[in-house]
Amino acid sequence: MSLQERLFLLAQYLLPHHLLSRLVGLAAECRVPWFKNRLIGWFARRYRVDMSEAQVEDLHAYEHFNAFFTRALKDGARPLEAAPDAVLCPADGAISQLGRIEHGRIFQAKGHSFSAVELLGGDAERAAPFLGGSFATVYLSPRDYHRVHMPLAGTLREMVYVPGRLFSVNQLTAENVPELFARNERVVCLFDTERGPMAVVLVGAMIVASIETVWAGLVTPPKRALKSFRYDAAARAPIHLEKGAELGRFKLGSTAIVLFGPEQVEWAEELAAGSPVRMGQRLGSSLGGAA
């Protein structure tokens, strides 16, 4: 490991994660034309963002950086895999890892793993249906489309806000920060699907200003404490999202983790750590008939 990499990792533990993220969030919402236009223009050039896919191609037309960052795509830019048994990739990016949840743990990278129970907010009962099941972790890079979509149609059962740190998420931190994804702030979305329970976890990171869902908007509890929101019939009107529908979005991006129970899905053989993916492509296939 180089000295620069060592210093970067040290900074991850020393920097005031949430203060820095709030400051970046303020800049990302700034509407002053000269500032937001320069910021958006620099970012688009630096990360070679393909604006030909965007509904609005003009960089100056966005009201602020966050509007540009969470931009909608043109119809047809992300065609959905049509096979009835397909489990869709929820986001653009690259596969960080995918495989089985073994002994209650999810593989992270290079000898590191993290607890499924901790990932889902520390409740063993909530995590139980996924033990022995399957996981897929998708990392969204800065240039990617930053909306997250449904791998399968599902009815929302519970949303859990889990407070935590905001370590940067990249290959270096994944290989060197223990239990990275179970330490960072995250929003856990639990659905009932034809393949049984499905979890889609939106994981925050350094300078991720916020996480939104289509049913709750900006997920910002008044106190930075674990909070669960029930969406069953007894709590509030059920929310059903179709396969491929938008689920949520990152403002300054990070990682989406998808979980299924045992013997429910099989990941596509051609995918492995590092494989580039696009929202809507086949991530895997349902096993057998409807659950």
C-alpha atoms as a PDB file:
ATOM      1  CA  MET A   1       0.000   0.000   0.000  1.00  0.00           C
ATOM      2  CA  SER A   2       1.376   3.422  -0.962  1.00  0.00           C
ATOM      3  CA  LEU A   3       1.856   6.271   1.504  1.00  0.00           C
ATOM      4  CA  GLN A   4      -0.933   8.182  -0.231  1.00  0.00           C
ATOM      5  CA  GLU A   5      -3.318   5.264   0.282  1.00  0.00           C
ATOM      6  CA  ARG A   6      -2.335   4.946   3.929  1.00  0.00           C
ATOM      7  CA  LEU A   7      -2.963   8.651   4.502  1.00  0.00           C
ATOM      8  CA  PHE A   8      -6.330   8.393   2.752  1.00  0.00           C
ATOM      9  CA  LEU A   9      -7.392   5.535   5.015  1.00  0.00           C
ATOM     10  CA  LEU A  10      -6.187   7.385   8.120  1.00  0.00           C
ATOM     11  CA  ALA A  11      -8.210  10.431   7.067  1.00  0.00           C
ATOM     12  CA  GLN A  12     -11.328   8.238   6.900  1.00  0.00           C
ATOM     13  CA  TYR A  13     -11.157   7.779  10.667  1.00  0.00           C
ATOM     14  CA  LEU A  14     -10.170  11.363  11.523  1.00  0.00           C
ATOM     15  CA  LEU A  15     -12.420  13.503   9.306  1.00  0.00           C
ATOM     16  CA  PRO A  16     -15.768  14.801  10.650  1.00  0.00           C
ATOM     17  CA  HIS A  17     -17.882  12.717   8.256  1.00  0.00           C
ATOM     18  CA  HIS A  18     -21.299  14.245   8.860  1.00  0.00           C
ATOM     19  CA  LEU A  19     -20.142  17.865   9.052  1.00  0.00           C
ATOM     20  CA  LEU A  20     -18.231  17.520   5.797  1.00  0.00           C
ATOM     21  CA  SER A  21     -21.217  15.855   4.138  1.00  0.00           C
ATOM     22  CA  ARG A  22     -23.578  18.616   5.310  1.00  0.00           C
ATOM     23  CA  LEU A  23     -21.277  21.291   3.900  1.00  0.00           C
ATOM     24  CA  VAL A  24     -21.038  19.510   0.567  1.00  0.00           C
ATOM     25  CA  GLY A  25     -24.819  19.091   0.642  1.00  0.00           C
ATOM     26  CA  LEU A  26     -25.274  22.859   0.965  1.00  0.00           C
ATOM     27  CA  ALA A  27     -23.012  23.444  -2.032  1.00  0.00           C
ATOM     28  CA  ALA A  28     -24.899  20.798  -4.024  1.00  0.00           C
ATOM     29  CA  GLU A  29     -28.195  22.660  -3.431  1.00  0.00           C
ATOM     30  CA  CYS A  30     -26.789  26.096  -4.315  1.00  0.00           C
ATOM     31  CA  ARG A  31     -28.824  27.819  -7.054  1.00  0.00           C
ATOM     32  CA  VAL A  32     -26.416  30.715  -7.775  1.00  0.00           C
ATOM     33  CA  PRO A  33     -25.972  30.362 -11.567  1.00  0.00           C
ATOM     34  CA  TRP A  34     -22.235  30.964 -11.884  1.00  0.00           C
ATOM     35  CA  PHE A  35     -21.441  28.603  -9.006  1.00  0.00           C
ATOM     36  CA  LYS A  36     -23.731  25.690  -9.895  1.00  0.00           C
ATOM     37  CA  ASN A  37     -22.884  25.928 -13.622  1.00  0.00           C
ATOM     38  CA  ARG A  38     -19.151  25.784 -12.955  1.00  0.00           C
ATOM     39  CA  LEU A  39     -19.569  22.915 -10.490  1.00  0.00           C
ATOM     40  CA  ILE A  40     -21.773  20.895 -12.838  1.00  0.00           C
ATOM     41  CA  GLY A  41     -19.538  21.598 -15.834  1.00  0.00           C
ATOM     42  CA  TRP A  42     -16.371  20.606 -13.971  1.00  0.00           C
ATOM     43  CA  PHE A  43     -17.975  17.417 -12.674  1.00  0.00           C
ATOM     44  CA  ALA A  44     -19.332  16.402 -16.090  1.00  0.00           C
ATOM     45  CA  ARG A  45     -15.885  16.859 -17.667  1.00  0.00           C
ATOM     46  CA  ARG A  46     -13.949  15.269 -14.810  1.00  0.00           C
ATOM     47  CA  TYR A  47     -16.041  12.106 -14.789  1.00  0.00           C
ATOM     48  CA  ARG A  48     -16.963  12.066 -18.508  1.00  0.00           C
ATOM     49  CA  VAL A  49     -20.688  12.006 -17.847  1.00  0.00           C
ATOM     50  CA  ASP A  50     -22.716  10.919 -20.900  1.00  0.00           C
ATOM     51  CA  MET A  51     -25.391  13.598 -21.131  1.00  0.00           C
ATOM     52  CA  SER A  52     -26.800  12.195 -24.390  1.00  0.00           C
ATOM     53  CA  GLU A  53     -28.779   9.728 -22.226  1.00  0.00           C
ATOM     54  CA  ALA A  54     -30.325  12.428 -20.034  1.00  0.00           C
ATOM     55  CA  GLN A  55     -33.836  13.810 -20.535  1.00  0.00           C
ATOM     56  CA  VAL A  56     -32.258  17.260 -20.128  1.00  0.00           C
ATOM     57  CA  GLU A  57     -28.903  17.413 -21.932  1.00  0.00           C
ATOM     58  CA  ASP A  58     -28.180  21.097 -21.252  1.00  0.00           C
ATOM     59  CA  LEU A  59     -25.938  21.271 -18.172  1.00  0.00           C
ATOM     60  CA  HIS A  60     -27.008  24.846 -17.438  1.00  0.00           C
ATOM     61  CA  ALA A  61     -30.707  23.888 -17.322  1.00  0.00           C
ATOM     62  CA  TYR A  62     -30.409  22.164 -13.918  1.00  0.00           C
ATOM     63  CA  GLU A  63     -31.446  24.269 -10.930  1.00  0.00           C
ATOM     64  CA  HIS A  64     -28.561  22.977  -8.800  1.00  0.00           C
ATOM     65  CA  PHE A  65     -25.932  20.234  -8.716  1.00  0.00           C
ATOM     66  CA  ASN A  66     -28.194  17.699  -7.012  1.00  0.00           C
ATOM     67  CA  ALA A  67     -30.789  18.045  -9.782  1.00  0.00           C
ATOM     68  CA  PHE A  68     -28.040  17.266 -12.303  1.00  0.00           C
ATOM     69  CA  PHE A  69     -26.651  14.407 -10.226  1.00  0.00           C
ATOM     70  CA  THR A  70     -30.050  12.689  -9.863  1.00  0.00           C
ATOM     71  CA  ARG A  71     -31.027  13.456 -13.474  1.00  0.00           C
ATOM     72  CA  ALA A  72     -33.689  11.376 -15.202  1.00  0.00           C
ATOM     73  CA  LEU A  73     -32.806   9.419 -18.340  1.00  0.00           C
ATOM     74  CA  LYS A  74     -34.583   9.395 -21.681  1.00  0.00           C
ATOM     75  CA  ASP A  75     -37.272   6.793 -22.238  1.00  0.00           C
ATOM     76  CA  GLY A  76     -35.633   3.600 -23.430  1.00  0.00           C
ATOM     77  CA  ALA A  77     -32.154   4.504 -22.164  1.00  0.00           C
ATOM     78  CA  ARG A  78     -32.307   1.572 -19.729  1.00  0.00           C
ATOM     79  CA  PRO A  79     -34.439  -1.186 -21.276  1.00  0.00           C
ATOM     80  CA  LEU A  80     -35.602  -3.773 -18.765  1.00  0.00           C
ATOM     81  CA  GLU A  81     -34.753  -7.434 -19.275  1.00  0.00           C
ATOM     82  CA  ALA A  82     -38.049  -8.902 -20.480  1.00  0.00           C
ATOM     83  CA  ALA A  83     -37.700 -12.513 -19.315  1.00  0.00           C
ATOM     84  CA  PRO A  84     -40.364 -13.246 -16.660  1.00  0.00           C
ATOM     85  CA  ASP A  85     -37.831 -14.946 -14.353  1.00  0.00           C
ATOM     86  CA  ALA A  86     -35.281 -12.115 -14.524  1.00  0.00           C
ATOM     87  CA  VAL A  87     -34.150 -10.341 -11.372  1.00  0.00           C
ATOM     88  CA  LEU A  88     -33.122  -6.862 -12.494  1.00  0.00           C
ATOM     89  CA  CYS A  89     -29.990  -4.961 -11.550  1.00  0.00           C
ATOM     90  CA  PRO A  90     -31.194  -2.051  -9.372  1.00  0.00           C
ATOM     91  CA  ALA A  91     -28.634   0.525 -10.497  1.00  0.00           C
ATOM     92  CA  ASP A  92     -25.850   1.488 -12.856  1.00  0.00           C
ATOM     93  CA  GLY A  93     -22.362   0.801 -11.572  1.00  0.00           C
ATOM     94  CA  ALA A  94     -20.170  -2.215 -10.983  1.00  0.00           C
ATOM     95  CA  ILE A  95     -20.564  -5.400  -8.994  1.00  0.00           C
ATOM     96  CA  SER A  96     -18.622  -5.063  -5.758  1.00  0.00           C
ATOM     97  CA  GLN A  97     -19.429  -8.638  -4.668  1.00  0.00           C
ATOM     98  CA  LEU A  98     -22.233 -11.150  -5.025  1.00  0.00           C
ATOM     99  CA  GLY A  99     -22.849 -14.605  -3.670  1.00  0.00           C
ATOM    100  CA  ARG A 100     -24.300 -16.464  -0.683  1.00  0.00           C
ATOM    101  CA  ILE A 101     -24.926 -15.184   2.833  1.00  0.00           C
ATOM    102  CA  GLU A 102     -22.937 -17.744   4.814  1.00  0.00           C
ATOM    103  CA  HIS A 103     -23.012 -18.116   8.603  1.00  0.00           C
ATOM    104  CA  GLY A 104     -24.946 -14.862   8.783  1.00  0.00           C
ATOM    105  CA  ARG A 105     -22.210 -12.854   7.074  1.00  0.00           C
ATOM    106  CA  ILE A 106     -21.882 -11.076   3.738  1.00  0.00           C
ATOM    107  CA  PHE A 107     -18.548 -11.007   1.908  1.00  0.00           C
ATOM    108  CA  GLN A 108     -17.086  -7.527   1.519  1.00  0.00           C
ATOM    109  CA  ALA A 109     -13.597  -7.858   0.001  1.00  0.00           C
ATOM    110  CA  LYS A 110     -10.190  -9.408   0.584  1.00  0.00           C
ATOM    111  CA  GLY A 111     -10.847 -11.265   3.833  1.00  0.00           C
ATOM    112  CA  HIS A 112     -13.495  -8.850   5.138  1.00  0.00           C
ATOM    113  CA  SER A 113     -17.176  -9.608   5.730  1.00  0.00           C
ATOM    114  CA  PHE A 114     -20.000  -8.020   7.669  1.00  0.00           C
ATOM    115  CA  SER A 115     -23.015  -9.161   9.635  1.00  0.00           C
ATOM    116  CA  ALA A 116     -26.375  -9.381   7.850  1.00  0.00           C
ATOM    117  CA  VAL A 117     -28.062  -8.636  11.178  1.00  0.00           C
ATOM    118  CA  GLU A 118     -26.047  -5.435  11.631  1.00  0.00           C
ATOM    119  CA  LEU A 119     -26.578  -4.397   8.006  1.00  0.00           C
ATOM    120  CA  LEU A 120     -30.343  -4.540   8.511  1.00  0.00           C
ATOM    121  CA  GLY A 121     -30.310  -2.544  11.732  1.00  0.00           C
ATOM    122  CA  GLY A 122     -29.341  -5.037  14.440  1.00  0.00           C
ATOM    123  CA  ASP A 123     -32.660  -6.930  14.605  1.00  0.00           C
ATOM    124  CA  ALA A 124     -32.117 -10.706  14.344  1.00  0.00           C
ATOM    125  CA  GLU A 125     -35.783 -11.324  13.528  1.00  0.00           C
ATOM    126  CA  ARG A 126     -35.627  -8.874  10.610  1.00  0.00           C
ATOM    127  CA  ALA A 127     -32.502 -10.577   9.233  1.00  0.00           C
ATOM    128  CA  ALA A 128     -33.625 -14.186   9.776  1.00  0.00           C
ATOM    129  CA  PRO A 129     -35.391 -14.687   6.397  1.00  0.00           C
ATOM    130  CA  PHE A 130     -32.173 -13.804   4.548  1.00  0.00           C
ATOM    131  CA  LEU A 131     -29.721 -16.065   6.398  1.00  0.00           C
ATOM    132  CA  GLY A 132     -28.373 -18.647   3.993  1.00  0.00           C
ATOM    133  CA  GLY A 133     -29.744 -16.585   1.110  1.00  0.00           C
ATOM    134  CA  SER A 134     -28.150 -14.477  -1.615  1.00  0.00           C
ATOM    135  CA  PHE A 135     -26.681 -10.980  -1.785  1.00  0.00           C
ATOM    136  CA  ALA A 136     -25.448  -8.649  -4.515  1.00  0.00           C
ATOM    137  CA  THR A 137     -23.593  -5.397  -3.853  1.00  0.00           C
ATOM    138  CA  VAL A 138     -23.578  -2.737  -6.591  1.00  0.00           C
ATOM    139  CA  TYR A 139     -21.197   0.236  -6.353  1.00  0.00           C
ATOM    140  CA  LEU A 140     -22.278   3.443  -8.092  1.00  0.00           C
ATOM    141  CA  SER A 141     -19.403   5.580  -9.397  1.00  0.00           C
ATOM    142  CA  PRO A 142     -19.668   9.381  -9.697  1.00  0.00           C
ATOM    143  CA  ARG A 143     -20.450   9.260 -13.424  1.00  0.00           C
ATOM    144  CA  ASP A 144     -23.311   6.764 -13.089  1.00  0.00           C
ATOM    145  CA  TYR A 145     -27.074   7.253 -13.202  1.00  0.00           C
ATOM    146  CA  HIS A 146     -27.946   7.615  -9.502  1.00  0.00           C
ATOM    147  CA  ARG A 147     -31.505   6.390  -9.242  1.00  0.00           C
ATOM    148  CA  VAL A 148     -32.173   2.948  -7.751  1.00  0.00           C
ATOM    149  CA  HIS A 149     -34.926   0.708  -9.149  1.00  0.00           C
ATOM    150  CA  MET A 150     -36.827  -2.414  -8.132  1.00  0.00           C
ATOM    151  CA  PRO A 151     -35.187  -5.776  -8.966  1.00  0.00           C
ATOM    152  CA  LEU A 152     -38.643  -7.411  -8.695  1.00  0.00           C
ATOM    153  CA  ALA A 153     -42.156  -6.132  -8.137  1.00  0.00           C
ATOM    154  CA  GLY A 154     -42.852  -5.850  -4.429  1.00  0.00           C
ATOM    155  CA  THR A 155     -45.006  -4.432  -1.653  1.00  0.00           C
ATOM    156  CA  LEU A 156     -43.157  -2.330   0.902  1.00  0.00           C
ATOM    157  CA  ARG A 157     -43.284  -3.809   4.392  1.00  0.00           C
ATOM    158  CA  GLU A 158     -40.789  -1.729   6.365  1.00  0.00           C
ATOM    159  CA  MET A 159     -38.201   1.020   5.984  1.00  0.00           C
ATOM    160  CA  VAL A 160     -35.407   1.330   8.525  1.00  0.00           C
ATOM    161  CA  TYR A 161     -33.057   4.284   8.888  1.00  0.00           C
ATOM    162  CA  VAL A 162     -29.779   3.106  10.424  1.00  0.00           C
ATOM    163  CA  PRO A 163     -27.369   5.832  11.629  1.00  0.00           C
ATOM    164  CA  GLY A 164     -23.652   5.341  11.221  1.00  0.00           C
ATOM    165  CA  ARG A 165     -20.377   6.679   9.915  1.00  0.00           C
ATOM    166  CA  LEU A 166     -19.826   7.919   6.371  1.00  0.00           C
ATOM    167  CA  PHE A 167     -16.619   6.254   5.243  1.00  0.00           C
ATOM    168  CA  SER A 168     -15.832   6.666   1.556  1.00  0.00           C
ATOM    169  CA  VAL A 169     -16.880   3.618  -0.449  1.00  0.00           C
ATOM    170  CA  ASN A 170     -14.385   2.361  -3.022  1.00  0.00           C
ATOM    171  CA  GLN A 171     -12.122  -0.631  -3.563  1.00  0.00           C
ATOM    172  CA  LEU A 172      -9.487   0.658  -1.142  1.00  0.00           C
ATOM    173  CA  THR A 173     -11.898   1.176   1.761  1.00  0.00           C
ATOM    174  CA  ALA A 174     -13.749  -2.065   1.017  1.00  0.00           C
ATOM    175  CA  GLU A 175     -10.469  -3.945   1.345  1.00  0.00           C
ATOM    176  CA  ASN A 176      -9.293  -2.146   4.465  1.00  0.00           C
ATOM    177  CA  VAL A 177     -12.228  -0.852   6.564  1.00  0.00           C
ATOM    178  CA  PRO A 178     -13.777  -3.760   8.508  1.00  0.00           C
ATOM    179  CA  GLU A 179     -17.576  -4.134   8.178  1.00  0.00           C
ATOM    180  CA  LEU A 180     -17.705  -1.023   5.986  1.00  0.00           C
ATOM    181  CA  PHE A 181     -21.302  -1.392   4.772  1.00  0.00           C
ATOM    182  CA  ALA A 182     -22.619  -2.284   8.228  1.00  0.00           C
ATOM    183  CA  ARG A 183     -20.906   0.797   9.720  1.00  0.00           C
ATOM    184  CA  ASN A 184     -22.032   3.457   7.252  1.00  0.00           C
ATOM    185  CA  GLU A 185     -25.351   5.278   7.497  1.00  0.00           C
ATOM    186  CA  ARG A 186     -28.005   3.490   5.438  1.00  0.00           C
ATOM    187  CA  VAL A 187     -31.675   3.078   4.587  1.00  0.00           C
ATOM    188  CA  VAL A 188     -33.041  -0.487   4.585  1.00  0.00           C
ATOM    189  CA  CYS A 189     -36.117  -1.124   2.420  1.00  0.00           C
ATOM    190  CA  LEU A 190     -37.909  -4.448   2.981  1.00  0.00           C
ATOM    191  CA  PHE A 191     -40.409  -5.764   0.426  1.00  0.00           C
ATOM    192  CA  ASP A 192     -42.645  -8.784   0.012  1.00  0.00           C
ATOM    193  CA  THR A 193     -42.185 -10.218  -3.506  1.00  0.00           C
ATOM    194  CA  GLU A 194     -43.025 -13.338  -5.512  1.00  0.00           C
ATOM    195  CA  ARG A 195     -39.640 -14.638  -4.309  1.00  0.00           C
ATOM    196  CA  GLY A 196     -40.388 -13.982  -0.664  1.00  0.00           C
ATOM    197  CA  PRO A 197     -38.740 -11.167   1.334  1.00  0.00           C
ATOM    198  CA  MET A 198     -36.385  -8.845  -0.557  1.00  0.00           C
ATOM    199  CA  ALA A 199     -34.188  -6.179   1.017  1.00  0.00           C
ATOM    200  CA  VAL A 200     -32.726  -3.264  -0.901  1.00  0.00           C
ATOM    201  CA  VAL A 201     -30.222  -1.370   1.251  1.00  0.00           C
ATOM    202  CA  LEU A 202     -29.106   2.125   0.217  1.00  0.00           C
ATOM    203  CA  VAL A 203     -25.724   2.743   1.827  1.00  0.00           C
ATOM    204  CA  GLY A 204     -24.422   6.265   2.366  1.00  0.00           C
ATOM    205  CA  ALA A 205     -20.797   7.369   2.084  1.00  0.00           C
ATOM    206  CA  MET A 206     -18.509  10.351   2.584  1.00  0.00           C
ATOM    207  CA  ILE A 207     -20.116  13.516   1.132  1.00  0.00           C
ATOM    208  CA  VAL A 208     -23.350  11.683   0.280  1.00  0.00           C
ATOM    209  CA  ALA A 209     -25.648  14.553   1.164  1.00  0.00           C
ATOM    210  CA  SER A 210     -28.806  12.473   1.454  1.00  0.00           C
ATOM    211  CA  ILE A 211     -30.799   9.403   0.476  1.00  0.00           C
ATOM    212  CA  GLU A 212     -34.352   9.662  -0.849  1.00  0.00           C
ATOM    213  CA  THR A 213     -37.128   7.126  -1.436  1.00  0.00           C
ATOM    214  CA  VAL A 214     -40.113   7.631  -3.724  1.00  0.00           C
ATOM    215  CA  TRP A 215     -42.593   7.089  -0.872  1.00  0.00           C
ATOM    216  CA  ALA A 216     -40.925   9.070   1.938  1.00  0.00           C
ATOM    217  CA  GLY A 217     -38.828  11.670   0.118  1.00  0.00           C
ATOM    218  CA  LEU A 218     -35.667  12.729   1.908  1.00  0.00           C
ATOM    219  CA  VAL A 219     -34.952  10.251   4.718  1.00  0.00           C
ATOM    220  CA  THR A 220     -33.804  12.516   7.536  1.00  0.00           C
ATOM    221  CA  PRO A 221     -35.064  11.531  11.009  1.00  0.00           C
ATOM    222  CA  PRO A 222     -35.005  14.448  13.473  1.00  0.00           C
ATOM    223  CA  LYS A 223     -32.406  12.610  15.542  1.00  0.00           C
ATOM    224  CA  ARG A 224     -29.540  10.508  14.222  1.00  0.00           C
ATOM    225  CA  ALA A 225     -30.949   7.351  15.779  1.00  0.00           C
ATOM    226  CA  LEU A 226     -32.269   4.067  14.422  1.00  0.00           C
ATOM    227  CA  LYS A 227     -35.863   4.474  13.288  1.00  0.00           C
ATOM    228  CA  SER A 228     -38.243   1.934  11.758  1.00  0.00           C
ATOM    229  CA  PHE A 229     -41.294   2.838   9.650  1.00  0.00           C
ATOM    230  CA  ARG A 230     -43.925   0.149   9.063  1.00  0.00           C
ATOM    231  CA  TYR A 231     -45.923   0.093   5.827  1.00  0.00           C
ATOM    232  CA  ASP A 232     -48.209  -2.884   6.392  1.00  0.00           C
ATOM    233  CA  ALA A 233     -51.998  -2.518   6.262  1.00  0.00           C
ATOM    234  CA  ALA A 234     -52.200  -1.919  10.006  1.00  0.00           C
ATOM    235  CA  ALA A 235     -49.760   1.007   9.843  1.00  0.00           C
ATOM    236  CA  ARG A 236     -50.637   2.858   6.648  1.00  0.00           C
ATOM    237  CA  ALA A 237     -51.765   2.307   3.068  1.00  0.00           C
ATOM    238  CA  PRO A 238     -49.623  -0.387   1.399  1.00  0.00           C
ATOM    239  CA  ILE A 239     -47.117   0.777  -1.221  1.00  0.00           C
ATOM    240  CA  HIS A 240     -46.581  -1.469  -4.243  1.00  0.00           C
ATOM    241  CA  LEU A 241     -43.816  -0.874  -6.788  1.00  0.00           C
ATOM    242  CA  GLU A 242     -43.565  -2.689 -10.100  1.00  0.00           C
ATOM    243  CA  LYS A 243     -40.453  -4.399 -11.370  1.00  0.00           C
ATOM    244  CA  GLY A 244     -38.075  -1.755 -12.721  1.00  0.00           C
ATOM    245  CA  ALA A 245     -39.887   1.145 -11.021  1.00  0.00           C
ATOM    246  CA  GLU A 246     -37.790   3.798  -9.290  1.00  0.00           C
ATOM    247  CA  LEU A 247     -37.301   3.053  -5.604  1.00  0.00           C
ATOM    248  CA  GLY A 248     -35.021   5.870  -4.480  1.00  0.00           C
ATOM    249  CA  ARG A 249     -31.969   7.931  -5.307  1.00  0.00           C
ATOM    250  CA  PHE A 250     -28.618   9.000  -3.947  1.00  0.00           C
ATOM    251  CA  LYS A 251     -27.502  12.603  -3.801  1.00  0.00           C
ATOM    252  CA  LEU A 252     -23.766  12.089  -4.352  1.00  0.00           C
ATOM    253  CA  GLY A 253     -24.023   8.317  -4.655  1.00  0.00           C
ATOM    254  CA  SER A 254     -22.725   5.181  -2.999  1.00  0.00           C
ATOM    255  CA  THR A 255     -23.846   1.548  -2.908  1.00  0.00           C
ATOM    256  CA  ALA A 256     -26.996  -0.571  -3.201  1.00  0.00           C
ATOM    257  CA  ILE A 257     -27.156  -4.051  -1.652  1.00  0.00           C
ATOM    258  CA  VAL A 258     -29.894  -6.544  -2.604  1.00  0.00           C
ATOM    259  CA  LEU A 259     -30.760  -9.530  -0.384  1.00  0.00           C
ATOM    260  CA  PHE A 260     -32.999 -12.555  -0.972  1.00  0.00           C
ATOM    261  CA  GLY A 261     -33.752 -15.618   1.134  1.00  0.00           C
ATOM    262  CA  PRO A 262     -32.410 -19.147   0.562  1.00  0.00           C
ATOM    263  CA  GLU A 263     -33.097 -20.876  -2.772  1.00  0.00           C
ATOM    264  CA  GLN A 264     -34.947 -17.908  -4.251  1.00  0.00           C
ATOM    265  CA  VAL A 265     -32.586 -16.472  -6.878  1.00  0.00           C
ATOM    266  CA  GLU A 266     -29.490 -17.461  -8.813  1.00  0.00           C
ATOM    267  CA  TRP A 267     -27.077 -14.730  -9.879  1.00  0.00           C
ATOM    268  CA  ALA A 268     -26.056 -14.509 -13.537  1.00  0.00           C
ATOM    269  CA  GLU A 269     -22.965 -16.659 -14.206  1.00  0.00           C
ATOM    270  CA  GLU A 270     -21.243 -13.934 -16.227  1.00  0.00           C
ATOM    271  CA  LEU A 271     -21.232 -11.495 -13.296  1.00  0.00           C
ATOM    272  CA  ALA A 272     -18.395 -11.296 -10.776  1.00  0.00           C
ATOM    273  CA  ALA A 273     -16.605  -8.696  -8.661  1.00  0.00           C
ATOM    274  CA  GLY A 274     -15.738  -5.774 -10.908  1.00  0.00           C
ATOM    275  CA  SER A 275     -18.308  -6.523 -13.625  1.00  0.00           C
ATOM    276  CA  PRO A 276     -19.884  -3.330 -15.016  1.00  0.00           C
ATOM    277  CA  VAL A 277     -23.682  -3.336 -14.821  1.00  0.00           C
ATOM    278  CA  ARG A 278     -26.594  -1.174 -15.880  1.00  0.00           C
ATOM    279  CA  MET A 279     -29.960  -0.721 -14.278  1.00  0.00           C
ATOM    280  CA  GLY A 280     -32.490  -3.078 -15.825  1.00  0.00           C
ATOM    281  CA  GLN A 281     -30.138  -5.778 -17.065  1.00  0.00           C
ATOM    282  CA  ARG A 282     -30.441  -9.320 -15.730  1.00  0.00           C
ATOM    283  CA  LEU A 283     -28.745  -9.552 -12.351  1.00  0.00           C
ATOM    284  CA  GLY A 284     -30.006 -13.075 -11.826  1.00  0.00           C
ATOM    285  CA  SER A 285     -32.981 -15.410 -12.207  1.00  0.00           C
ATOM    286  CA  SER A 286     -35.770 -16.608  -9.980  1.00  0.00           C
ATOM    287  CA  LEU A 287     -35.504 -20.271  -8.981  1.00  0.00           C
ATOM    288  CA  GLY A 288     -38.569 -22.476  -9.540  1.00  0.00           C
ATOM    289  CA  GLY A 289     -42.120 -21.150  -9.455  1.00  0.00           C
ATOM    290  CA  ALA A 290     -43.589 -18.336  -7.412  1.00  0.00           C
ATOM    291  CA  ALA A 291     -42.734 -18.409  -3.725  1.00  0.00           C
END
